[in-house]
C-alpha cells in the first residue's frame, strides 16, 4: 500500500527551518559586541562652559573633559569672529581636566558677531566623545539664536502635501531677515525681510509644498537669520522623512523579537495556530 509522505516531509522541513531561525534568534539575543571583557568601551565626555564678565573683545570659555581610565587628546576649534584650533595631547594618565581658553577678537569686529566653539575628546583606548558646541558672541552680547519650533525633527510628511514650518529668531542687534533653506526632496531658500523699527525677537511661518512627483527621502530644513549689521547666523537643522501615501498607510510586521534572553517568532506561532494535519 502506497502512502504519500510528501506533506509530512514538507512539514518537517518547515519546522526545521523555523527551529534553525529560532536558534539563530536566541544567539542574537545573547550576542555581545565584544569577546574581550577587559576592553574599555566607555567614551570620554567633554563640556564647554562660557566665562562671563570679560572685555568686549574677549571670548573666554572652559573645556572640561573626563574619562574612566585616561584621556589621550582634546580638540577645540573656534570659527566666526575668532578662528583658532587647539589640540591637547596627554602623555600620562589624566582622567579629569578643565582647560581655560581666552580668545581675542579685533576691535573692528561688530558687537554681536557670533563665535562657534566645538570640542571633542579621545581616550587611550580610541573611544571618541560626542562633540559639544558652545555659541558665543563678541561685545559681551548673547549669541544669536535661531531654530525650528515645528515640526519636530524626525517627523513624517507625504508626497503631494504641504508642511508648515515655524521658525524663531533672536539677536541683541535686531533681526533684518528670518528664513530657511531646505535640501532633499524639496530644494528651496526662502526668507522674510523686515523694516524699521527692527525687533530683537521674531517668529515666522513658512509653507513647504512637497510635489507629488518628488522622490521620497529625507528633507533637511536649516533656519537662519540676518541681523541689522548684515551678519548671518545659522541654527540647528531638522530632518523630515518624506514618504508616499502607500508607505504611510502600510502596517509594519514584526516576525521575530527578543524579551530578555528569550526569542519569540510570530511566523512560527501563526503556523502552529493553523495546525498541521497529516495526509
C-alpha atoms as a PDB file:
ATOM      1  CA  UNK A   1       0.000   0.000   0.000  1.00  0.00           C
ATOM      2  CA  UNK A   2       1.475   3.380  -1.044  1.00  0.00           C
ATOM      3  CA  UNK A   3       1.174   6.363   1.261  1.00  0.00           C
ATOM      4  CA  UNK A   4       2.123   9.915   0.253  1.00  0.00           C
ATOM      5  CA  UNK A   5       4.615  11.233   2.809  1.00  0.00           C
ATOM      6  CA  UNK A   6       5.418  14.472   0.968  1.00  0.00           C
ATOM      7  CA  UNK A   7       3.174  16.501   3.274  1.00  0.00           C
ATOM      8  CA  UNK A   8       4.990  15.195   6.323  1.00  0.00           C
ATOM      9  CA  UNK A   9       8.361  15.870   4.702  1.00  0.00           C
ATOM     10  CA  UNK A  10       7.348  19.406   3.855  1.00  0.00           C
ATOM     11  CA  UNK A  11       6.104  19.931   7.391  1.00  0.00           C
ATOM     12  CA  UNK A  12       9.339  18.588   8.821  1.00  0.00           C
ATOM     13  CA  UNK A  13      11.400  20.835   6.559  1.00  0.00           C
ATOM     14  CA  UNK A  14       9.399  23.900   7.582  1.00  0.00           C
ATOM     15  CA  UNK A  15       9.726  23.051  11.263  1.00  0.00           C
ATOM     16  CA  UNK A  16      13.465  22.517  10.821  1.00  0.00           C
ATOM     17  CA  UNK A  17      13.852  25.914   9.185  1.00  0.00           C
ATOM     18  CA  UNK A  18      11.781  27.581  11.923  1.00  0.00           C
ATOM     19  CA  UNK A  19      13.819  25.819  14.598  1.00  0.00           C
ATOM     20  CA  UNK A  20      17.052  26.977  12.965  1.00  0.00           C
ATOM     21  CA  UNK A  21      15.678  30.503  12.771  1.00  0.00           C
ATOM     22  CA  UNK A  22      14.734  30.486  16.461  1.00  0.00           C
ATOM     23  CA  UNK A  23      18.145  29.066  17.325  1.00  0.00           C
ATOM     24  CA  UNK A  24      19.831  31.913  15.478  1.00  0.00           C
ATOM     25  CA  UNK A  25      17.469  34.345  17.198  1.00  0.00           C
ATOM     26  CA  UNK A  26      18.467  33.029  20.618  1.00  0.00           C
ATOM     27  CA  UNK A  27      22.088  33.520  19.650  1.00  0.00           C
ATOM     28  CA  UNK A  28      21.286  37.068  18.575  1.00  0.00           C
ATOM     29  CA  UNK A  29      19.508  37.736  21.886  1.00  0.00           C
ATOM     30  CA  UNK A  30      22.606  36.577  23.765  1.00  0.00           C
ATOM     31  CA  UNK A  31      25.099  38.172  21.394  1.00  0.00           C
ATOM     32  CA  UNK A  32      27.537  40.787  22.648  1.00  0.00           C
ATOM     33  CA  UNK A  33      29.515  43.328  20.707  1.00  0.00           C
ATOM     34  CA  UNK A  34      32.845  42.210  22.096  1.00  0.00           C
ATOM     35  CA  UNK A  35      34.502  38.965  23.169  1.00  0.00           C
ATOM     36  CA  UNK A  36      37.082  40.896  25.171  1.00  0.00           C
ATOM     37  CA  UNK A  37      35.537  41.634  28.551  1.00  0.00           C
ATOM     38  CA  UNK A  38      38.573  43.715  29.610  1.00  0.00           C
ATOM     39  CA  UNK A  39      38.488  46.157  26.661  1.00  0.00           C
ATOM     40  CA  UNK A  40      37.437  49.707  27.581  1.00  0.00           C
ATOM     41  CA  UNK A  41      34.376  50.797  25.603  1.00  0.00           C
ATOM     42  CA  UNK A  42      33.361  53.798  27.726  1.00  0.00           C
ATOM     43  CA  UNK A  43      33.822  57.048  25.758  1.00  0.00           C
ATOM     44  CA  UNK A  44      35.071  60.222  27.417  1.00  0.00           C
ATOM     45  CA  UNK A  45      32.834  63.233  27.987  1.00  0.00           C
ATOM     46  CA  UNK A  46      33.584  66.843  27.098  1.00  0.00           C
ATOM     47  CA  UNK A  47      31.748  70.019  28.183  1.00  0.00           C
ATOM     48  CA  UNK A  48      32.160  73.661  27.135  1.00  0.00           C
ATOM     49  CA  UNK A  49      31.286  76.395  29.648  1.00  0.00           C
ATOM     50  CA  UNK A  50      31.288  80.150  28.900  1.00  0.00           C
ATOM     51  CA  UNK A  51      33.131  82.606  31.158  1.00  0.00           C
ATOM     52  CA  UNK A  52      31.291  85.920  31.657  1.00  0.00           C
ATOM     53  CA  UNK A  53      32.466  89.341  32.792  1.00  0.00           C
ATOM     54  CA  UNK A  54      35.241  89.727  30.214  1.00  0.00           C
ATOM     55  CA  UNK A  55      36.150  92.669  27.977  1.00  0.00           C
ATOM     56  CA  UNK A  56      34.147  93.308  24.814  1.00  0.00           C
ATOM     57  CA  UNK A  57      36.877  91.910  22.560  1.00  0.00           C
ATOM     58  CA  UNK A  58      37.481  88.787  24.659  1.00  0.00           C
ATOM     59  CA  UNK A  59      35.921  85.356  24.118  1.00  0.00           C
ATOM     60  CA  UNK A  60      36.540  83.207  27.181  1.00  0.00           C
ATOM     61  CA  UNK A  61      35.411  79.654  27.985  1.00  0.00           C
ATOM     62  CA  UNK A  62      36.439  76.471  29.770  1.00  0.00           C
ATOM     63  CA  UNK A  63      36.707  72.965  28.321  1.00  0.00           C
ATOM     64  CA  UNK A  64      36.184  70.119  30.800  1.00  0.00           C
ATOM     65  CA  UNK A  65      36.943  66.525  29.782  1.00  0.00           C
ATOM     66  CA  UNK A  66      36.577  63.306  31.765  1.00  0.00           C
ATOM     67  CA  UNK A  67      37.297  59.614  31.184  1.00  0.00           C
ATOM     68  CA  UNK A  68      37.125  56.496  33.310  1.00  0.00           C
ATOM     69  CA  UNK A  69      40.715  55.397  32.538  1.00  0.00           C
ATOM     70  CA  UNK A  70      42.646  58.154  30.792  1.00  0.00           C
ATOM     71  CA  UNK A  71      42.365  60.893  28.159  1.00  0.00           C
ATOM     72  CA  UNK A  72      44.590  60.925  25.071  1.00  0.00           C
ATOM     73  CA  UNK A  73      43.626  64.090  23.160  1.00  0.00           C
ATOM     74  CA  UNK A  74      41.268  67.075  23.376  1.00  0.00           C
ATOM     75  CA  UNK A  75      40.397  69.000  20.216  1.00  0.00           C
ATOM     76  CA  UNK A  76      38.933  72.538  20.414  1.00  0.00           C
ATOM     77  CA  UNK A  77      38.022  74.720  17.442  1.00  0.00           C
ATOM     78  CA  UNK A  78      36.620  78.256  17.135  1.00  0.00           C
ATOM     79  CA  UNK A  79      35.063  79.714  13.992  1.00  0.00           C
ATOM     80  CA  UNK A  80      33.332  83.030  13.319  1.00  0.00           C
ATOM     81  CA  UNK A  81      34.568  86.344  14.704  1.00  0.00           C
ATOM     82  CA  UNK A  82      37.633  84.474  16.001  1.00  0.00           C
ATOM     83  CA  UNK A  83      39.261  81.489  14.303  1.00  0.00           C
ATOM     84  CA  UNK A  84      41.528  79.091  16.189  1.00  0.00           C
ATOM     85  CA  UNK A  85      42.317  75.384  16.640  1.00  0.00           C
ATOM     86  CA  UNK A  86      43.763  73.825  19.809  1.00  0.00           C
ATOM     87  CA  UNK A  87      44.916  70.205  20.209  1.00  0.00           C
ATOM     88  CA  UNK A  88      45.991  68.996  23.645  1.00  0.00           C
ATOM     89  CA  UNK A  89      47.837  65.647  23.852  1.00  0.00           C
ATOM     90  CA  UNK A  90      48.324  63.770  27.143  1.00  0.00           C
ATOM     91  CA  UNK A  91      51.357  61.550  27.771  1.00  0.00           C
ATOM     92  CA  UNK A  92      50.303  60.369  31.228  1.00  0.00           C
ATOM     93  CA  UNK A  93      47.040  59.135  32.725  1.00  0.00           C
ATOM     94  CA  UNK A  94      44.657  62.077  33.161  1.00  0.00           C
ATOM     95  CA  UNK A  95      41.003  61.280  33.905  1.00  0.00           C
ATOM     96  CA  UNK A  96      39.579  64.739  34.703  1.00  0.00           C
ATOM     97  CA  UNK A  97      40.788  68.127  33.492  1.00  0.00           C
ATOM     98  CA  UNK A  98      39.484  71.672  32.913  1.00  0.00           C
ATOM     99  CA  UNK A  99      41.295  73.829  30.361  1.00  0.00           C
ATOM    100  CA  UNK A 100      40.688  77.619  30.264  1.00  0.00           C
ATOM    101  CA  UNK A 101      40.731  79.351  26.863  1.00  0.00           C
ATOM    102  CA  UNK A 102      40.850  83.079  26.102  1.00  0.00           C
ATOM    103  CA  UNK A 103      40.490  84.352  22.531  1.00  0.00           C
ATOM    104  CA  UNK A 104      40.768  87.942  21.324  1.00  0.00           C
ATOM    105  CA  UNK A 105      38.643  89.483  18.583  1.00  0.00           C
ATOM    106  CA  UNK A 106      39.667  92.524  16.557  1.00  0.00           C
ATOM    107  CA  UNK A 107      38.145  95.817  17.655  1.00  0.00           C
ATOM    108  CA  UNK A 108      36.870  96.219  14.109  1.00  0.00           C
ATOM    109  CA  UNK A 109      34.563  93.220  14.558  1.00  0.00           C
ATOM    110  CA  UNK A 110      30.994  94.464  15.239  1.00  0.00           C
ATOM    111  CA  UNK A 111      29.458  93.629  18.628  1.00  0.00           C
ATOM    112  CA  UNK A 112      27.198  90.597  18.468  1.00  0.00           C
ATOM    113  CA  UNK A 113      29.280  88.772  15.838  1.00  0.00           C
ATOM    114  CA  UNK A 114      28.884  85.042  16.558  1.00  0.00           C
ATOM    115  CA  UNK A 115      31.695  82.696  17.566  1.00  0.00           C
ATOM    116  CA  UNK A 116      31.018  78.949  17.473  1.00  0.00           C
ATOM    117  CA  UNK A 117      33.195  76.746  19.693  1.00  0.00           C
ATOM    118  CA  UNK A 118      33.318  72.948  19.306  1.00  0.00           C
ATOM    119  CA  UNK A 119      35.209  70.418  21.418  1.00  0.00           C
ATOM    120  CA  UNK A 120      35.748  66.656  21.410  1.00  0.00           C
ATOM    121  CA  UNK A 121      37.994  64.171  23.206  1.00  0.00           C
ATOM    122  CA  UNK A 122      39.545  60.734  22.604  1.00  0.00           C
ATOM    123  CA  UNK A 123      40.708  58.350  25.331  1.00  0.00           C
ATOM    124  CA  UNK A 124      43.644  55.943  25.380  1.00  0.00           C
ATOM    125  CA  UNK A 125      41.522  53.070  24.029  1.00  0.00           C
ATOM    126  CA  UNK A 126      40.437  55.108  20.998  1.00  0.00           C
ATOM    127  CA  UNK A 127      36.901  55.847  22.218  1.00  0.00           C
ATOM    128  CA  UNK A 128      35.677  59.243  20.979  1.00  0.00           C
ATOM    129  CA  UNK A 129      33.339  61.574  22.817  1.00  0.00           C
ATOM    130  CA  UNK A 130      30.454  63.405  21.238  1.00  0.00           C
ATOM    131  CA  UNK A 131      31.052  66.948  20.005  1.00  0.00           C
ATOM    132  CA  UNK A 132      29.965  69.697  22.391  1.00  0.00           C
ATOM    133  CA  UNK A 133      29.052  73.066  20.867  1.00  0.00           C
ATOM    134  CA  UNK A 134      29.078  76.493  22.506  1.00  0.00           C
ATOM    135  CA  UNK A 135      27.712  79.607  20.776  1.00  0.00           C
ATOM    136  CA  UNK A 136      29.106  82.945  21.913  1.00  0.00           C
ATOM    137  CA  UNK A 137      29.237  86.489  20.531  1.00  0.00           C
ATOM    138  CA  UNK A 138      31.579  89.451  20.711  1.00  0.00           C
ATOM    139  CA  UNK A 139      30.855  92.586  22.724  1.00  0.00           C
ATOM    140  CA  UNK A 140      29.569  90.667  25.766  1.00  0.00           C
ATOM    141  CA  UNK A 141      26.290  90.180  23.943  1.00  0.00           C
ATOM    142  CA  UNK A 142      24.306  86.946  23.926  1.00  0.00           C
ATOM    143  CA  UNK A 143      24.817  84.917  20.729  1.00  0.00           C
ATOM    144  CA  UNK A 144      22.065  84.960  18.089  1.00  0.00           C
ATOM    145  CA  UNK A 145      19.540  82.165  18.450  1.00  0.00           C
ATOM    146  CA  UNK A 146      17.534  80.793  15.534  1.00  0.00           C
ATOM    147  CA  UNK A 147      15.728  77.460  15.442  1.00  0.00           C
ATOM    148  CA  UNK A 148      12.801  75.496  14.027  1.00  0.00           C
ATOM    149  CA  UNK A 149       9.965  75.314  16.562  1.00  0.00           C
ATOM    150  CA  UNK A 150       7.795  72.986  14.480  1.00  0.00           C
ATOM    151  CA  UNK A 151       7.619  70.410  13.068  1.00  0.00           C
ATOM    152  CA  UNK A 152       9.873  68.278  15.236  1.00  0.00           C
ATOM    153  CA  UNK A 153      12.926  66.599  13.783  1.00  0.00           C
ATOM    154  CA  UNK A 154      12.070  63.021  12.794  1.00  0.00           C
ATOM    155  CA  UNK A 155       8.505  63.842  11.765  1.00  0.00           C
ATOM    156  CA  UNK A 156       6.977  62.479   8.558  1.00  0.00           C
ATOM    157  CA  UNK A 157       5.484  64.187   5.519  1.00  0.00           C
ATOM    158  CA  UNK A 158       3.596  62.857   2.483  1.00  0.00           C
ATOM    159  CA  UNK A 159       4.229  63.434  -1.198  1.00  0.00           C
ATOM    160  CA  UNK A 160       1.730  65.848  -2.708  1.00  0.00           C
ATOM    161  CA  UNK A 161       1.082  67.575   0.637  1.00  0.00           C
ATOM    162  CA  UNK A 162       2.464  70.663   2.384  1.00  0.00           C
ATOM    163  CA  UNK A 163       4.079  71.228   5.767  1.00  0.00           C
ATOM    164  CA  UNK A 164       4.041  74.445   7.809  1.00  0.00           C
ATOM    165  CA  UNK A 165       7.404  75.366   9.343  1.00  0.00           C
ATOM    166  CA  UNK A 166       7.617  77.741  12.322  1.00  0.00           C
ATOM    167  CA  UNK A 167      10.949  79.495  12.914  1.00  0.00           C
ATOM    168  CA  UNK A 168      12.028  81.588  15.908  1.00  0.00           C
ATOM    169  CA  UNK A 169      14.908  84.063  15.807  1.00  0.00           C
ATOM    170  CA  UNK A 170      16.517  86.236  18.480  1.00  0.00           C
ATOM    171  CA  UNK A 171      19.531  88.571  18.453  1.00  0.00           C
ATOM    172  CA  UNK A 172      20.622  91.548  20.529  1.00  0.00           C
ATOM    173  CA  UNK A 173      21.429  93.589  17.400  1.00  0.00           C
ATOM    174  CA  UNK A 174      17.939  93.247  15.863  1.00  0.00           C
ATOM    175  CA  UNK A 175      16.665  90.967  13.103  1.00  0.00           C
ATOM    176  CA  UNK A 176      16.760  92.117   9.488  1.00  0.00           C
ATOM    177  CA  UNK A 177      15.594  88.820   7.934  1.00  0.00           C
ATOM    178  CA  UNK A 178      14.499  85.358   9.033  1.00  0.00           C
ATOM    179  CA  UNK A 179      14.267  82.320   6.788  1.00  0.00           C
ATOM    180  CA  UNK A 180      15.119  78.729   5.917  1.00  0.00           C
ATOM    181  CA  UNK A 181      16.963  76.545   3.433  1.00  0.00           C
ATOM    182  CA  UNK A 182      15.784  73.033   2.544  1.00  0.00           C
ATOM    183  CA  UNK A 183      17.526  70.182   0.735  1.00  0.00           C
ATOM    184  CA  UNK A 184      16.417  66.690  -0.281  1.00  0.00           C
ATOM    185  CA  UNK A 185      13.041  66.083  -1.963  1.00  0.00           C
ATOM    186  CA  UNK A 186      12.446  69.862  -1.957  1.00  0.00           C
ATOM    187  CA  UNK A 187      15.343  72.275  -2.594  1.00  0.00           C
ATOM    188  CA  UNK A 188      14.350  75.753  -1.519  1.00  0.00           C
ATOM    189  CA  UNK A 189      15.556  79.004   0.049  1.00  0.00           C
ATOM    190  CA  UNK A 190      13.073  81.497   1.469  1.00  0.00           C
ATOM    191  CA  UNK A 191      13.140  84.372   3.946  1.00  0.00           C
ATOM    192  CA  UNK A 192      11.092  87.276   5.303  1.00  0.00           C
ATOM    193  CA  UNK A 193      12.731  90.717   5.275  1.00  0.00           C
ATOM    194  CA  UNK A 194      11.710  93.203   7.968  1.00  0.00           C
ATOM    195  CA  UNK A 195      11.784  97.007   8.017  1.00  0.00           C
ATOM    196  CA  UNK A 196      12.291  99.538  10.800  1.00  0.00           C
ATOM    197  CA  UNK A 197      11.660  99.515  13.633  1.00  0.00           C
ATOM    198  CA  UNK A 198      13.520  96.187  13.773  1.00  0.00           C
ATOM    199  CA  UNK A 199      12.897  93.772  16.625  1.00  0.00           C
ATOM    200  CA  UNK A 200      15.285  91.599  18.612  1.00  0.00           C
ATOM    201  CA  UNK A 201      12.920  88.584  18.645  1.00  0.00           C
ATOM    202  CA  UNK A 202      10.573  87.312  15.919  1.00  0.00           C
ATOM    203  CA  UNK A 203       8.654  84.219  14.879  1.00  0.00           C
ATOM    204  CA  UNK A 204       7.681  83.424  11.302  1.00  0.00           C
ATOM    205  CA  UNK A 205       5.820  80.647   9.495  1.00  0.00           C
ATOM    206  CA  UNK A 206       6.579  79.301   6.046  1.00  0.00           C
ATOM    207  CA  UNK A 207       4.881  76.608   3.962  1.00  0.00           C
ATOM    208  CA  UNK A 208       6.872  73.987   2.074  1.00  0.00           C
ATOM    209  CA  UNK A 209       4.852  72.273  -0.677  1.00  0.00           C
ATOM    210  CA  UNK A 210       6.095  68.758  -1.500  1.00  0.00           C
ATOM    211  CA  UNK A 211       5.378  67.864  -5.157  1.00  0.00           C
ATOM    212  CA  UNK A 212       3.609  64.548  -5.763  1.00  0.00           C
ATOM    213  CA  UNK A 213       6.362  63.676  -8.251  1.00  0.00           C
ATOM    214  CA  UNK A 214       9.190  64.293  -5.763  1.00  0.00           C
ATOM    215  CA  UNK A 215      11.438  61.416  -4.720  1.00  0.00           C
ATOM    216  CA  UNK A 216      10.777  60.076  -1.200  1.00  0.00           C
ATOM    217  CA  UNK A 217      13.660  60.636   1.179  1.00  0.00           C
ATOM    218  CA  UNK A 218      14.988  62.894   3.917  1.00  0.00           C
ATOM    219  CA  UNK A 219      14.067  66.580   3.826  1.00  0.00           C
ATOM    220  CA  UNK A 220      16.594  68.714   5.734  1.00  0.00           C
ATOM    221  CA  UNK A 221      15.476  72.156   6.925  1.00  0.00           C
ATOM    222  CA  UNK A 222      18.033  74.682   8.203  1.00  0.00           C
ATOM    223  CA  UNK A 223      16.879  78.009   9.735  1.00  0.00           C
ATOM    224  CA  UNK A 224      18.882  81.234   9.511  1.00  0.00           C
ATOM    225  CA  UNK A 225      18.688  84.903  10.415  1.00  0.00           C
ATOM    226  CA  UNK A 226      20.494  88.043   9.284  1.00  0.00           C
ATOM    227  CA  UNK A 227      20.896  90.855  11.791  1.00  0.00           C
ATOM    228  CA  UNK A 228      20.904  94.621  11.345  1.00  0.00           C
ATOM    229  CA  UNK A 229      24.691  94.554  10.819  1.00  0.00           C
ATOM    230  CA  UNK A 230      24.329  92.112   7.931  1.00  0.00           C
ATOM    231  CA  UNK A 231      25.713  89.176   9.906  1.00  0.00           C
ATOM    232  CA  UNK A 232      24.207  85.758   9.147  1.00  0.00           C
ATOM    233  CA  UNK A 233      23.574  83.122  11.835  1.00  0.00           C
ATOM    234  CA  UNK A 234      22.503  79.541  11.135  1.00  0.00           C
ATOM    235  CA  UNK A 235      20.535  77.367  13.553  1.00  0.00           C
ATOM    236  CA  UNK A 236      20.418  73.577  14.010  1.00  0.00           C
ATOM    237  CA  UNK A 237      18.877  71.617  11.158  1.00  0.00           C
ATOM    238  CA  UNK A 238      15.918  69.266  11.439  1.00  0.00           C
ATOM    239  CA  UNK A 239      15.090  66.282   9.238  1.00  0.00           C
ATOM    240  CA  UNK A 240      11.680  65.223   7.922  1.00  0.00           C
ATOM    241  CA  UNK A 241      11.035  61.795   6.383  1.00  0.00           C
ATOM    242  CA  UNK A 242       9.102  62.267   3.131  1.00  0.00           C
ATOM    243  CA  UNK A 243       7.072  59.186   2.157  1.00  0.00           C
ATOM    244  CA  UNK A 244       4.444  58.178  -0.350  1.00  0.00           C
ATOM    245  CA  UNK A 245       0.851  57.719   0.835  1.00  0.00           C
ATOM    246  CA  UNK A 246       1.242  53.938   0.442  1.00  0.00           C
ATOM    247  CA  UNK A 247       4.285  53.929   2.748  1.00  0.00           C
ATOM    248  CA  UNK A 248       2.489  55.969   5.404  1.00  0.00           C
ATOM    249  CA  UNK A 249      -0.547  53.651   5.403  1.00  0.00           C
ATOM    250  CA  UNK A 250       1.453  50.388   5.462  1.00  0.00           C
ATOM    251  CA  UNK A 251       1.333  48.296   8.648  1.00  0.00           C
ATOM    252  CA  UNK A 252       4.706  47.009   9.873  1.00  0.00           C
ATOM    253  CA  UNK A 253       5.013  43.287  10.701  1.00  0.00           C
ATOM    254  CA  UNK A 254       7.419  42.009  13.345  1.00  0.00           C
ATOM    255  CA  UNK A 255       8.105  38.284  12.992  1.00  0.00           C
ATOM    256  CA  UNK A 256      10.940  37.743  15.451  1.00  0.00           C
ATOM    257  CA  UNK A 257      11.692  39.646  18.639  1.00  0.00           C
ATOM    258  CA  UNK A 258      13.549  39.241  21.912  1.00  0.00           C
ATOM    259  CA  UNK A 259      12.420  39.578  25.528  1.00  0.00           C
ATOM    260  CA  UNK A 260      15.456  39.308  27.751  1.00  0.00           C
ATOM    261  CA  UNK A 261      17.315  36.185  26.594  1.00  0.00           C
ATOM    262  CA  UNK A 262      14.186  34.581  25.104  1.00  0.00           C
ATOM    263  CA  UNK A 263      13.279  34.749  21.422  1.00  0.00           C
ATOM    264  CA  UNK A 264       9.753  34.661  20.013  1.00  0.00           C
ATOM    265  CA  UNK A 265       8.784  34.050  16.397  1.00  0.00           C
ATOM    266  CA  UNK A 266       5.363  35.294  15.282  1.00  0.00           C
ATOM    267  CA  UNK A 267       5.613  33.477  11.945  1.00  0.00           C
ATOM    268  CA  UNK A 268       6.060  30.135  13.739  1.00  0.00           C
ATOM    269  CA  UNK A 269       3.218  30.930  16.148  1.00  0.00           C
ATOM    270  CA  UNK A 270       0.863  31.748  13.266  1.00  0.00           C
ATOM    271  CA  UNK A 271       1.791  28.485  11.536  1.00  0.00           C
ATOM    272  CA  UNK A 272       1.249  26.466  14.711  1.00  0.00           C
ATOM    273  CA  UNK A 273      -2.132  28.111  15.238  1.00  0.00           C
ATOM    274  CA  UNK A 274      -3.238  26.947  11.794  1.00  0.00           C
ATOM    275  CA  UNK A 275      -2.442  23.360  12.866  1.00  0.00           C
ATOM    276  CA  UNK A 276      -0.745  20.573  10.944  1.00  0.00           C
ATOM    277  CA  UNK A 277      -2.676  17.630   9.593  1.00  0.00           C
ATOM    278  CA  UNK A 278      -1.012  14.529   8.122  1.00  0.00           C
ATOM    279  CA  UNK A 279      -2.121  13.469   4.633  1.00  0.00           C
END
